[in-house]
Amino acid sequence: MLRCKEATHLISQQQDRQLAAGERLQLKLHLAMCSGCRNFRAQMNFLRAACKQYPGDQGGEDQAKAD
């Protein structure tokens, strides 16, 4: 059984790579019982989606300072 620290580590890694079948199963079982880790996963998903929508540096403000 995963501890919360291990589960949150897998949740973070899941953002960057596909987990192995065993990792996915262990994480799924842990998330079924742990509301704290489910909340952490939801927050990670929200932050990832928000970062994807952020337009990034388009040279506006920084370029105005250089002129």
PDB file of N, CA and C in Angstrom:
ATOM      1  N   MET A   1       0.841  -1.180   0.000  1.00  0.00           N
ATOM      2  CA  MET A   1       0.000   0.000   0.000  1.00  0.00           C
ATOM      3  C   MET A   1       0.888   1.247   0.000  1.00  0.00           C
ATOM      4  N   LEU A   2       0.554   2.187  -0.864  1.00  0.00           N
ATOM      5  CA  LEU A   2       1.319   3.433  -0.957  1.00  0.00           C
ATOM      6  C   LEU A   2       1.041   4.342   0.233  1.00  0.00           C
ATOM      7  N   ARG A   3       2.050   5.050   0.640  1.00  0.00           N
ATOM      8  CA  ARG A   3       1.858   6.138   1.598  1.00  0.00           C
ATOM      9  C   ARG A   3       1.553   7.397   0.794  1.00  0.00           C
ATOM     10  N   CYS A   4       1.004   8.400   1.451  1.00  0.00           N
ATOM     11  CA  CYS A   4       0.624   9.638   0.762  1.00  0.00           C
ATOM     12  C   CYS A   4       1.818  10.289   0.065  1.00  0.00           C
ATOM     13  N   LYS A   5       2.976  10.257   0.688  1.00  0.00           N
ATOM     14  CA  LYS A   5       4.163  10.854   0.077  1.00  0.00           C
ATOM     15  C   LYS A   5       4.497  10.166  -1.243  1.00  0.00           C
ATOM     16  N   GLU A   6       4.397   8.852  -1.269  1.00  0.00           N
ATOM     17  CA  GLU A   6       4.665   8.109  -2.502  1.00  0.00           C
ATOM     18  C   GLU A   6       3.582   8.370  -3.547  1.00  0.00           C
ATOM     19  N   ALA A   7       2.339   8.455  -3.089  1.00  0.00           N
ATOM     20  CA  ALA A   7       1.225   8.702  -4.009  1.00  0.00           C
ATOM     21  C   ALA A   7       1.349  10.071  -4.660  1.00  0.00           C
ATOM     22  N   THR A   8       1.674  11.089  -3.872  1.00  0.00           N
ATOM     23  CA  THR A   8       1.806  12.428  -4.455  1.00  0.00           C
ATOM     24  C   THR A   8       2.985  12.483  -5.421  1.00  0.00           C
ATOM     25  N   HIS A   9       4.023  11.724  -5.140  1.00  0.00           N
ATOM     26  CA  HIS A   9       5.159  11.656  -6.060  1.00  0.00           C
ATOM     27  C   HIS A   9       4.716  11.039  -7.395  1.00  0.00           C
ATOM     28  N   LEU A  10       3.930   9.968  -7.330  1.00  0.00           N
ATOM     29  CA  LEU A  10       3.431   9.352  -8.565  1.00  0.00           C
ATOM     30  C   LEU A  10       2.477  10.283  -9.307  1.00  0.00           C
ATOM     31  N   ILE A  11       1.660  11.014  -8.569  1.00  0.00           N
ATOM     32  CA  ILE A  11       0.741  11.967  -9.201  1.00  0.00           C
ATOM     33  C   ILE A  11       1.543  13.022  -9.960  1.00  0.00           C
ATOM     34  N   SER A  12       2.609  13.492  -9.362  1.00  0.00           N
ATOM     35  CA  SER A  12       3.466  14.483 -10.025  1.00  0.00           C
ATOM     36  C   SER A  12       4.130  13.880 -11.267  1.00  0.00           C
ATOM     37  N   GLN A  13       4.626  12.671 -11.138  1.00  0.00           N
ATOM     38  CA  GLN A  13       5.272  12.020 -12.274  1.00  0.00           C
ATOM     39  C   GLN A  13       4.280  11.728 -13.390  1.00  0.00           C
ATOM     40  N   GLN A  14       3.040  11.466 -13.028  1.00  0.00           N
ATOM     41  CA  GLN A  14       2.005  11.164 -14.008  1.00  0.00           C
ATOM     42  C   GLN A  14       1.762  12.345 -14.937  1.00  0.00           C
ATOM     43  N   GLN A  15       2.100  13.545 -14.491  1.00  0.00           N
ATOM     44  CA  GLN A  15       1.947  14.727 -15.322  1.00  0.00           C
ATOM     45  C   GLN A  15       2.955  14.721 -16.475  1.00  0.00           C
ATOM     46  N   ASP A  16       4.082  14.030 -16.290  1.00  0.00           N
ATOM     47  CA  ASP A  16       5.172  14.074 -17.264  1.00  0.00           C
ATOM     48  C   ASP A  16       5.396  12.770 -18.031  1.00  0.00           C
ATOM     49  N   ARG A  17       4.928  11.675 -17.482  1.00  0.00           N
ATOM     50  CA  ARG A  17       5.148  10.383 -18.145  1.00  0.00           C
ATOM     51  C   ARG A  17       3.977   9.455 -17.856  1.00  0.00           C
ATOM     52  N   GLN A  18       3.870   8.413 -18.653  1.00  0.00           N
ATOM     53  CA  GLN A  18       2.845   7.411 -18.412  1.00  0.00           C
ATOM     54  C   GLN A  18       3.363   6.444 -17.354  1.00  0.00           C
ATOM     55  N   LEU A  19       2.552   6.214 -16.334  1.00  0.00           N
ATOM     56  CA  LEU A  19       2.953   5.306 -15.263  1.00  0.00           C
ATOM     57  C   LEU A  19       2.854   3.862 -15.731  1.00  0.00           C
ATOM     58  N   ALA A  20       3.677   3.020 -15.134  1.00  0.00           N
ATOM     59  CA  ALA A  20       3.607   1.585 -15.406  1.00  0.00           C
ATOM     60  C   ALA A  20       2.297   1.038 -14.842  1.00  0.00           C
ATOM     61  N   ALA A  21       1.897  -0.111 -15.313  1.00  0.00           N
ATOM     62  CA  ALA A  21       0.620  -0.700 -14.902  1.00  0.00           C
ATOM     63  C   ALA A  21       0.546  -0.884 -13.384  1.00  0.00           C
ATOM     64  N   GLY A  22       1.617  -1.357 -12.783  1.00  0.00           N
ATOM     65  CA  GLY A  22       1.639  -1.556 -11.330  1.00  0.00           C
ATOM     66  C   GLY A  22       1.511  -0.242 -10.568  1.00  0.00           C
ATOM     67  N   GLU A  23       2.191   0.781 -11.068  1.00  0.00           N
ATOM     68  CA  GLU A  23       2.106   2.101 -10.438  1.00  0.00           C
ATOM     69  C   GLU A  23       0.689   2.656 -10.532  1.00  0.00           C
ATOM     70  N   ARG A  24       0.078   2.510 -11.702  1.00  0.00           N
ATOM     71  CA  ARG A  24      -1.298   2.992 -11.894  1.00  0.00           C
ATOM     72  C   ARG A  24      -2.260   2.292 -10.952  1.00  0.00           C
ATOM     73  N   LEU A  25      -2.106   0.989 -10.800  1.00  0.00           N
ATOM     74  CA  LEU A  25      -2.988   0.215  -9.933  1.00  0.00           C
ATOM     75  C   LEU A  25      -2.821   0.641  -8.478  1.00  0.00           C
ATOM     76  N   GLN A  26      -1.580   0.747  -8.026  1.00  0.00           N
ATOM     77  CA  GLN A  26      -1.329   1.166  -6.646  1.00  0.00           C
ATOM     78  C   GLN A  26      -1.889   2.557  -6.395  1.00  0.00           C
ATOM     79  N   LEU A  27      -1.698   3.459  -7.345  1.00  0.00           N
ATOM     80  CA  LEU A  27      -2.188   4.824  -7.189  1.00  0.00           C
ATOM     81  C   LEU A  27      -3.713   4.849  -7.170  1.00  0.00           C
ATOM     82  N   LYS A  28      -4.327   4.080  -8.044  1.00  0.00           N
ATOM     83  CA  LYS A  28      -5.795   4.032  -8.096  1.00  0.00           C
ATOM     84  C   LYS A  28      -6.367   3.524  -6.774  1.00  0.00           C
ATOM     85  N   LEU A  29      -5.763   2.488  -6.204  1.00  0.00           N
ATOM     86  CA  LEU A  29      -6.217   1.962  -4.915  1.00  0.00           C
ATOM     87  C   LEU A  29      -6.044   3.001  -3.806  1.00  0.00           C
ATOM     88  N   HIS A  30      -4.907   3.680  -3.806  1.00  0.00           N
ATOM     89  CA  HIS A  30      -4.661   4.699  -2.784  1.00  0.00           C
ATOM     90  C   HIS A  30      -5.669   5.840  -2.909  1.00  0.00           C
ATOM     91  N   LEU A  31      -5.898   6.295  -4.129  1.00  0.00           N
ATOM     92  CA  LEU A  31      -6.822   7.415  -4.340  1.00  0.00           C
ATOM     93  C   LEU A  31      -8.255   7.047  -3.963  1.00  0.00           C
ATOM     94  N   ALA A  32      -8.605   5.774  -4.069  1.00  0.00           N
ATOM     95  CA  ALA A  32      -9.944   5.338  -3.688  1.00  0.00           C
ATOM     96  C   ALA A  32     -10.191   5.529  -2.186  1.00  0.00           C
ATOM     97  N   MET A  33      -9.103   5.523  -1.414  1.00  0.00           N
ATOM     98  CA  MET A  33      -9.244   5.622   0.038  1.00  0.00           C
ATOM     99  C   MET A  33      -8.801   6.956   0.629  1.00  0.00           C
ATOM    100  N   CYS A  34      -8.099   7.774  -0.128  1.00  0.00           N
ATOM    101  CA  CYS A  34      -7.467   8.966   0.449  1.00  0.00           C
ATOM    102  C   CYS A  34      -7.987  10.241  -0.209  1.00  0.00           C
ATOM    103  N   SER A  35      -8.815  10.968   0.504  1.00  0.00           N
ATOM    104  CA  SER A  35      -9.377  12.204  -0.049  1.00  0.00           C
ATOM    105  C   SER A  35      -8.317  13.298  -0.169  1.00  0.00           C
ATOM    106  N   GLY A  36      -7.330  13.282   0.695  1.00  0.00           N
ATOM    107  CA  GLY A  36      -6.264  14.285   0.619  1.00  0.00           C
ATOM    108  C   GLY A  36      -5.480  14.179  -0.678  1.00  0.00           C
ATOM    109  N   CYS A  37      -5.151  12.969  -1.071  1.00  0.00           N
ATOM    110  CA  CYS A  37      -4.415  12.765  -2.322  1.00  0.00           C
ATOM    111  C   CYS A  37      -5.303  13.013  -3.533  1.00  0.00           C
ATOM    112  N   ARG A  38      -6.604  12.712  -3.420  1.00  0.00           N
ATOM    113  CA  ARG A  38      -7.525  13.056  -4.509  1.00  0.00           C
ATOM    114  C   ARG A  38      -7.574  14.570  -4.688  1.00  0.00           C
ATOM    115  N   ASN A  39      -7.594  15.305  -3.581  1.00  0.00           N
ATOM    116  CA  ASN A  39      -7.569  16.764  -3.664  1.00  0.00           C
ATOM    117  C   ASN A  39      -6.266  17.257  -4.286  1.00  0.00           C
ATOM    118  N   PHE A  40      -5.143  16.652  -3.902  1.00  0.00           N
ATOM    119  CA  PHE A  40      -3.849  17.025  -4.460  1.00  0.00           C
ATOM    120  C   PHE A  40      -3.842  16.809  -5.969  1.00  0.00           C
ATOM    121  N   ARG A  41      -4.377  15.669  -6.423  1.00  0.00           N
ATOM    122  CA  ARG A  41      -4.438  15.381  -7.856  1.00  0.00           C
ATOM    123  C   ARG A  41      -5.293  16.414  -8.592  1.00  0.00           C
ATOM    124  N   ALA A  42      -6.419  16.776  -7.996  1.00  0.00           N
ATOM    125  CA  ALA A  42      -7.289  17.780  -8.620  1.00  0.00           C
ATOM    126  C   ALA A  42      -6.573  19.128  -8.709  1.00  0.00           C
ATOM    127  N   GLN A  43      -5.834  19.492  -7.673  1.00  0.00           N
ATOM    128  CA  GLN A  43      -5.085  20.752  -7.684  1.00  0.00           C
ATOM    129  C   GLN A  43      -3.979  20.728  -8.731  1.00  0.00           C
ATOM    130  N   MET A  44      -3.289  19.593  -8.857  1.00  0.00           N
ATOM    131  CA  MET A  44      -2.236  19.472  -9.872  1.00  0.00           C
ATOM    132  C   MET A  44      -2.828  19.602 -11.274  1.00  0.00           C
ATOM    133  N   ASN A  45      -3.973  18.969 -11.500  1.00  0.00           N
ATOM    134  CA  ASN A  45      -4.621  19.054 -12.805  1.00  0.00           C
ATOM    135  C   ASN A  45      -5.053  20.483 -13.105  1.00  0.00           C
ATOM    136  N   PHE A  46      -5.573  21.181 -12.091  1.00  0.00           N
ATOM    137  CA  PHE A  46      -5.983  22.568 -12.265  1.00  0.00           C
ATOM    138  C   PHE A  46      -4.781  23.449 -12.609  1.00  0.00           C
ATOM    139  N   LEU A  47      -3.689  23.291 -11.868  1.00  0.00           N
ATOM    140  CA  LEU A  47      -2.493  24.099 -12.121  1.00  0.00           C
ATOM    141  C   LEU A  47      -1.914  23.826 -13.507  1.00  0.00           C
ATOM    142  N   ARG A  48      -1.912  22.575 -13.913  1.00  0.00           N
ATOM    143  CA  ARG A  48      -1.384  22.234 -15.245  1.00  0.00           C
ATOM    144  C   ARG A  48      -2.234  22.877 -16.335  1.00  0.00           C
ATOM    145  N   ALA A  49      -3.560  22.810 -16.175  1.00  0.00           N
ATOM    146  CA  ALA A  49      -4.451  23.421 -17.158  1.00  0.00           C
ATOM    147  C   ALA A  49      -4.287  24.941 -17.181  1.00  0.00           C
ATOM    148  N   ALA A  50      -4.128  25.545 -16.010  1.00  0.00           N
ATOM    149  CA  ALA A  50      -3.950  26.995 -15.939  1.00  0.00           C
ATOM    150  C   ALA A  50      -2.643  27.418 -16.601  1.00  0.00           C
ATOM    151  N   CYS A  51      -1.591  26.642 -16.377  1.00  0.00           N
ATOM    152  CA  CYS A  51      -0.292  26.972 -16.989  1.00  0.00           C
ATOM    153  C   CYS A  51      -0.332  26.838 -18.506  1.00  0.00           C
ATOM    154  N   LYS A  52      -1.088  25.879 -19.005  1.00  0.00           N
ATOM    155  CA  LYS A  52      -1.200  25.717 -20.455  1.00  0.00           C
ATOM    156  C   LYS A  52      -1.921  26.896 -21.088  1.00  0.00           C
ATOM    157  N   GLN A  53      -2.826  27.528 -20.345  1.00  0.00           N
ATOM    158  CA  GLN A  53      -3.581  28.652 -20.884  1.00  0.00           C
ATOM    159  C   GLN A  53      -2.819  29.965 -20.772  1.00  0.00           C
ATOM    160  N   TYR A  54      -1.799  30.024 -19.923  1.00  0.00           N
ATOM    161  CA  TYR A  54      -1.027  31.251 -19.749  1.00  0.00           C
ATOM    162  C   TYR A  54      -0.270  31.541 -21.032  1.00  0.00           C
ATOM    163  N   PRO A  55      -0.405  32.764 -21.563  1.00  0.00           N
ATOM    164  CA  PRO A  55       0.199  33.051 -22.870  1.00  0.00           C
ATOM    165  C   PRO A  55       1.720  33.112 -22.860  1.00  0.00           C
ATOM    166  N   GLY A  56       2.324  33.297 -21.715  1.00  0.00           N
ATOM    167  CA  GLY A  56       3.771  33.382 -21.649  1.00  0.00           C
ATOM    168  C   GLY A  56       4.272  34.771 -21.996  1.00  0.00           C
ATOM    169  N   ASP A  57       5.566  34.937 -22.069  1.00  0.00           N
ATOM    170  CA  ASP A  57       6.174  36.229 -22.366  1.00  0.00           C
ATOM    171  C   ASP A  57       6.072  36.505 -23.865  1.00  0.00           C
ATOM    172  N   GLN A  58       5.393  37.563 -24.195  1.00  0.00           N
ATOM    173  CA  GLN A  58       5.253  37.936 -25.613  1.00  0.00           C
ATOM    174  C   GLN A  58       6.044  39.203 -25.936  1.00  0.00           C
ATOM    175  N   GLY A  59       6.924  39.580 -25.034  1.00  0.00           N
ATOM    176  CA  GLY A  59       7.789  40.716 -25.293  1.00  0.00           C
ATOM    177  C   GLY A  59       7.165  42.063 -25.020  1.00  0.00           C
ATOM    178  N   GLY A  60       5.994  42.104 -24.457  1.00  0.00           N
ATOM    179  CA  GLY A  60       5.284  43.362 -24.246  1.00  0.00           C
ATOM    180  C   GLY A  60       5.941  44.260 -23.211  1.00  0.00           C
ATOM    181  N   GLU A  61       5.804  43.913 -21.963  1.00  0.00           N
ATOM    182  CA  GLU A  61       6.287  44.765 -20.886  1.00  0.00           C
ATOM    183  C   GLU A  61       7.810  44.838 -20.843  1.00  0.00           C
ATOM    184  N   ASP A  62       8.474  43.696 -20.980  1.00  0.00           N
ATOM    185  CA  ASP A  62       9.945  43.682 -20.937  1.00  0.00           C
ATOM    186  C   ASP A  62      10.538  44.458 -22.104  1.00  0.00           C
ATOM    187  N   GLN A  63       9.957  44.377 -23.254  1.00  0.00           N
ATOM    188  CA  GLN A  63      10.486  45.059 -24.413  1.00  0.00           C
ATOM    189  C   GLN A  63      10.288  46.567 -24.266  1.00  0.00           C
ATOM    190  N   ALA A  64       9.210  46.998 -23.638  1.00  0.00           N
ATOM    191  CA  ALA A  64       8.972  48.417 -23.431  1.00  0.00           C
ATOM    192  C   ALA A  64      10.043  49.019 -22.518  1.00  0.00           C
ATOM    193  N   LYS A  65      10.526  48.245 -21.538  1.00  0.00           N
ATOM    194  CA  LYS A  65      11.573  48.723 -20.640  1.00  0.00           C
ATOM    195  C   LYS A  65      12.897  48.881 -21.387  1.00  0.00           C
ATOM    196  N   ALA A  66      13.129  48.036 -22.381  1.00  0.00           N
ATOM    197  CA  ALA A  66      14.405  48.063 -23.105  1.00  0.00           C
ATOM    198  C   ALA A  66      14.502  49.283 -24.029  1.00  0.00           C
ATOM    199  N   ASP A  67      13.354  49.809 -24.463  1.00  0.00           N
ATOM    200  CA  ASP A  67      13.373  50.950 -25.392  1.00  0.00           C
ATOM    201  C   ASP A  67      13.651  52.221 -24.731  1.00  0.00           C
TER     202      ASP A  67
END
